[in-house]
Amino acid sequence: MNKFVLPLALVAALATGSAAFAATNTSVTGTLKALDAKACTATVNKTVYHFSKGCDFSKVKVGEKVTVTGHAYKKMEVGVTIVAAAPAKPAPAKVKTAPAKSAPAKPATPKKP
């Protein structure tokens, strides 16, 4: 019995410790204020996100709404993805329809015997 308790306790301690260090990604949608392709940084709503080298900002432009997925690492925001935000769907226009006009009634034709 004692042979199982110590390894089990060790595995439980390691599993809970690594979960605390796992980064959780968050998504932020806002206006893209600045891009620096050389430094791979993007500024969204006064927050600077740092992306990995070889970043590709060709699909976004300064001034448009974007969604950035990232996480905090050592007091720095690390960006994982940046995409143009989906435009809001406009409310469907209400169209007034006129009441349907009924066709004039046709006189009934008598059946021939």
C-alpha atoms as a PDB file:
ATOM      1  CA  MET A   1       0.000   0.000   0.000  1.00  0.00           C
ATOM      2  CA  ASN A   2       2.803   2.421   0.854  1.00  0.00           C
ATOM      3  CA  LYS A   3       4.356   1.758  -2.551  1.00  0.00           C
ATOM      4  CA  PHE A   4       1.341   3.373  -4.239  1.00  0.00           C
ATOM      5  CA  VAL A   5       0.823   6.381  -1.986  1.00  0.00           C
ATOM      6  CA  LEU A   6       4.124   8.178  -2.590  1.00  0.00           C
ATOM      7  CA  PRO A   7       4.075   7.974  -6.427  1.00  0.00           C
ATOM      8  CA  LEU A   8       0.405   8.954  -6.468  1.00  0.00           C
ATOM      9  CA  ALA A   9       1.085  12.006  -4.286  1.00  0.00           C
ATOM     10  CA  LEU A  10       4.041  12.983  -6.470  1.00  0.00           C
ATOM     11  CA  VAL A  11       1.996  12.771  -9.669  1.00  0.00           C
ATOM     12  CA  ALA A  12      -0.827  14.806  -8.109  1.00  0.00           C
ATOM     13  CA  ALA A  13       1.601  17.522  -6.987  1.00  0.00           C
ATOM     14  CA  LEU A  14       3.177  17.792 -10.444  1.00  0.00           C
ATOM     15  CA  ALA A  15      -0.159  17.856 -12.238  1.00  0.00           C
ATOM     16  CA  THR A  16      -1.566  20.728 -10.169  1.00  0.00           C
ATOM     17  CA  GLY A  17       1.626  22.776 -10.454  1.00  0.00           C
ATOM     18  CA  SER A  18       1.754  22.654 -14.246  1.00  0.00           C
ATOM     19  CA  ALA A  19      -1.890  23.684 -14.546  1.00  0.00           C
ATOM     20  CA  ALA A  20      -1.096  26.936 -12.751  1.00  0.00           C
ATOM     21  CA  PHE A  21       1.518  27.851 -15.368  1.00  0.00           C
ATOM     22  CA  ALA A  22      -0.699  27.153 -18.362  1.00  0.00           C
ATOM     23  CA  ALA A  23      -1.506  30.282 -20.352  1.00  0.00           C
ATOM     24  CA  THR A  24      -5.122  30.942 -21.089  1.00  0.00           C
ATOM     25  CA  ASN A  25      -5.855  32.830 -24.283  1.00  0.00           C
ATOM     26  CA  THR A  26      -8.268  35.728 -24.277  1.00  0.00           C
ATOM     27  CA  SER A  27      -9.845  37.558 -27.208  1.00  0.00           C
ATOM     28  CA  VAL A  28     -10.069  41.334 -27.482  1.00  0.00           C
ATOM     29  CA  THR A  29     -11.915  43.234 -30.205  1.00  0.00           C
ATOM     30  CA  GLY A  30     -11.026  46.845 -30.869  1.00  0.00           C
ATOM     31  CA  THR A  31      -9.625  49.387 -33.295  1.00  0.00           C
ATOM     32  CA  LEU A  32      -6.143  48.745 -34.646  1.00  0.00           C
ATOM     33  CA  LYS A  33      -4.153  51.869 -33.782  1.00  0.00           C
ATOM     34  CA  ALA A  34      -0.641  50.946 -35.040  1.00  0.00           C
ATOM     35  CA  LEU A  35       1.289  48.132 -36.719  1.00  0.00           C
ATOM     36  CA  ASP A  36       5.043  47.526 -36.741  1.00  0.00           C
ATOM     37  CA  ALA A  37       5.860  44.646 -39.082  1.00  0.00           C
ATOM     38  CA  LYS A  38       9.587  44.838 -38.302  1.00  0.00           C
ATOM     39  CA  ALA A  39       9.096  44.482 -34.544  1.00  0.00           C
ATOM     40  CA  CYS A  40       5.948  42.323 -35.012  1.00  0.00           C
ATOM     41  CA  THR A  41       3.804  44.452 -32.707  1.00  0.00           C
ATOM     42  CA  ALA A  42       0.221  45.619 -33.025  1.00  0.00           C
ATOM     43  CA  THR A  43      -1.478  48.247 -30.862  1.00  0.00           C
ATOM     44  CA  VAL A  44      -5.166  47.655 -30.156  1.00  0.00           C
ATOM     45  CA  ASN A  45      -7.037  49.956 -27.743  1.00  0.00           C
ATOM     46  CA  LYS A  46      -3.833  51.262 -26.082  1.00  0.00           C
ATOM     47  CA  THR A  47      -2.483  47.720 -25.559  1.00  0.00           C
ATOM     48  CA  VAL A  48       0.597  46.579 -27.458  1.00  0.00           C
ATOM     49  CA  TYR A  49       0.583  42.909 -28.504  1.00  0.00           C
ATOM     50  CA  HIS A  50       3.882  41.221 -29.385  1.00  0.00           C
ATOM     51  CA  PHE A  51       3.733  38.506 -32.062  1.00  0.00           C
ATOM     52  CA  SER A  52       6.312  35.891 -33.002  1.00  0.00           C
ATOM     53  CA  LYS A  53       8.931  36.592 -35.657  1.00  0.00           C
ATOM     54  CA  GLY A  54       7.704  36.184 -39.192  1.00  0.00           C
ATOM     55  CA  CYS A  55       4.333  37.716 -38.385  1.00  0.00           C
ATOM     56  CA  ASP A  56       1.999  38.441 -41.292  1.00  0.00           C
ATOM     57  CA  PHE A  57      -0.082  41.616 -40.992  1.00  0.00           C
ATOM     58  CA  SER A  58      -1.097  41.699 -44.663  1.00  0.00           C
ATOM     59  CA  LYS A  59      -4.775  40.947 -43.945  1.00  0.00           C
ATOM     60  CA  VAL A  60      -5.344  43.847 -41.530  1.00  0.00           C
ATOM     61  CA  LYS A  61      -5.043  47.621 -41.846  1.00  0.00           C
ATOM     62  CA  VAL A  62      -4.604  50.427 -39.338  1.00  0.00           C
ATOM     63  CA  GLY A  63      -7.959  51.912 -38.373  1.00  0.00           C
ATOM     64  CA  GLU A  64     -10.111  48.827 -38.839  1.00  0.00           C
ATOM     65  CA  LYS A  65     -11.767  46.697 -36.177  1.00  0.00           C
ATOM     66  CA  VAL A  66      -9.748  43.576 -35.351  1.00  0.00           C
ATOM     67  CA  THR A  67      -9.927  40.677 -32.939  1.00  0.00           C
ATOM     68  CA  VAL A  68      -6.670  39.726 -31.212  1.00  0.00           C
ATOM     69  CA  THR A  69      -6.269  36.430 -29.393  1.00  0.00           C
ATOM     70  CA  GLY A  70      -3.401  36.396 -26.925  1.00  0.00           C
ATOM     71  CA  HIS A  71      -2.223  35.987 -23.346  1.00  0.00           C
ATOM     72  CA  ALA A  72      -0.089  37.746 -20.742  1.00  0.00           C
ATOM     73  CA  TYR A  73       3.512  36.648 -20.274  1.00  0.00           C
ATOM     74  CA  LYS A  74       5.925  38.404 -17.885  1.00  0.00           C
ATOM     75  CA  LYS A  75       3.992  41.698 -17.868  1.00  0.00           C
ATOM     76  CA  MET A  76       3.757  41.654 -21.677  1.00  0.00           C
ATOM     77  CA  GLU A  77       0.817  40.858 -23.925  1.00  0.00           C
ATOM     78  CA  VAL A  78       1.664  38.130 -26.425  1.00  0.00           C
ATOM     79  CA  GLY A  79      -0.526  37.961 -29.497  1.00  0.00           C
ATOM     80  CA  VAL A  80      -1.376  34.596 -31.007  1.00  0.00           C
ATOM     81  CA  THR A  81      -3.709  35.601 -33.853  1.00  0.00           C
ATOM     82  CA  ILE A  82      -5.034  38.833 -35.316  1.00  0.00           C
ATOM     83  CA  VAL A  83      -7.982  38.889 -37.730  1.00  0.00           C
ATOM     84  CA  ALA A  84     -10.389  41.512 -39.031  1.00  0.00           C
ATOM     85  CA  ALA A  85     -13.494  41.587 -36.861  1.00  0.00           C
ATOM     86  CA  ALA A  86     -16.684  40.400 -38.504  1.00  0.00           C
ATOM     87  CA  PRO A  87     -18.883  43.374 -39.371  1.00  0.00           C
ATOM     88  CA  ALA A  88     -22.030  43.676 -37.361  1.00  0.00           C
ATOM     89  CA  LYS A  89     -25.068  42.380 -39.194  1.00  0.00           C
ATOM     90  CA  PRO A  90     -27.509  45.187 -39.935  1.00  0.00           C
ATOM     91  CA  ALA A  91     -31.010  44.843 -38.602  1.00  0.00           C
ATOM     92  CA  PRO A  92     -33.384  43.497 -41.211  1.00  0.00           C
ATOM     93  CA  ALA A  93     -35.338  46.295 -42.841  1.00  0.00           C
ATOM     94  CA  LYS A  94     -39.035  46.229 -42.161  1.00  0.00           C
ATOM     95  CA  VAL A  95     -40.900  46.416 -45.419  1.00  0.00           C
ATOM     96  CA  LYS A  96     -44.499  47.520 -45.368  1.00  0.00           C
ATOM     97  CA  THR A  97     -46.577  45.418 -47.654  1.00  0.00           C
ATOM     98  CA  ALA A  98     -49.846  46.586 -49.082  1.00  0.00           C
ATOM     99  CA  PRO A  99     -52.774  44.318 -48.492  1.00  0.00           C
ATOM    100  CA  ALA A 100     -53.202  41.882 -51.335  1.00  0.00           C
ATOM    101  CA  LYS A 101     -55.902  42.834 -53.785  1.00  0.00           C
ATOM    102  CA  SER A 102     -58.342  40.099 -54.432  1.00  0.00           C
ATOM    103  CA  ALA A 103     -59.110  39.235 -58.024  1.00  0.00           C
ATOM    104  CA  PRO A 104     -62.654  39.892 -59.152  1.00  0.00           C
ATOM    105  CA  ALA A 105     -64.817  36.860 -58.816  1.00  0.00           C
ATOM    106  CA  LYS A 106     -65.535  35.061 -62.045  1.00  0.00           C
ATOM    107  CA  PRO A 107     -69.153  34.184 -62.661  1.00  0.00           C
ATOM    108  CA  ALA A 108     -69.810  30.521 -62.330  1.00  0.00           C
ATOM    109  CA  THR A 109     -70.420  28.792 -65.638  1.00  0.00           C
ATOM    110  CA  PRO A 110     -73.352  26.422 -65.636  1.00  0.00           C
ATOM    111  CA  LYS A 111     -72.542  22.832 -66.385  1.00  0.00           C
ATOM    112  CA  LYS A 112     -74.116  21.339 -69.442  1.00  0.00           C
ATOM    113  CA  PRO A 113     -76.184  18.210 -68.858  1.00  0.00           C
END
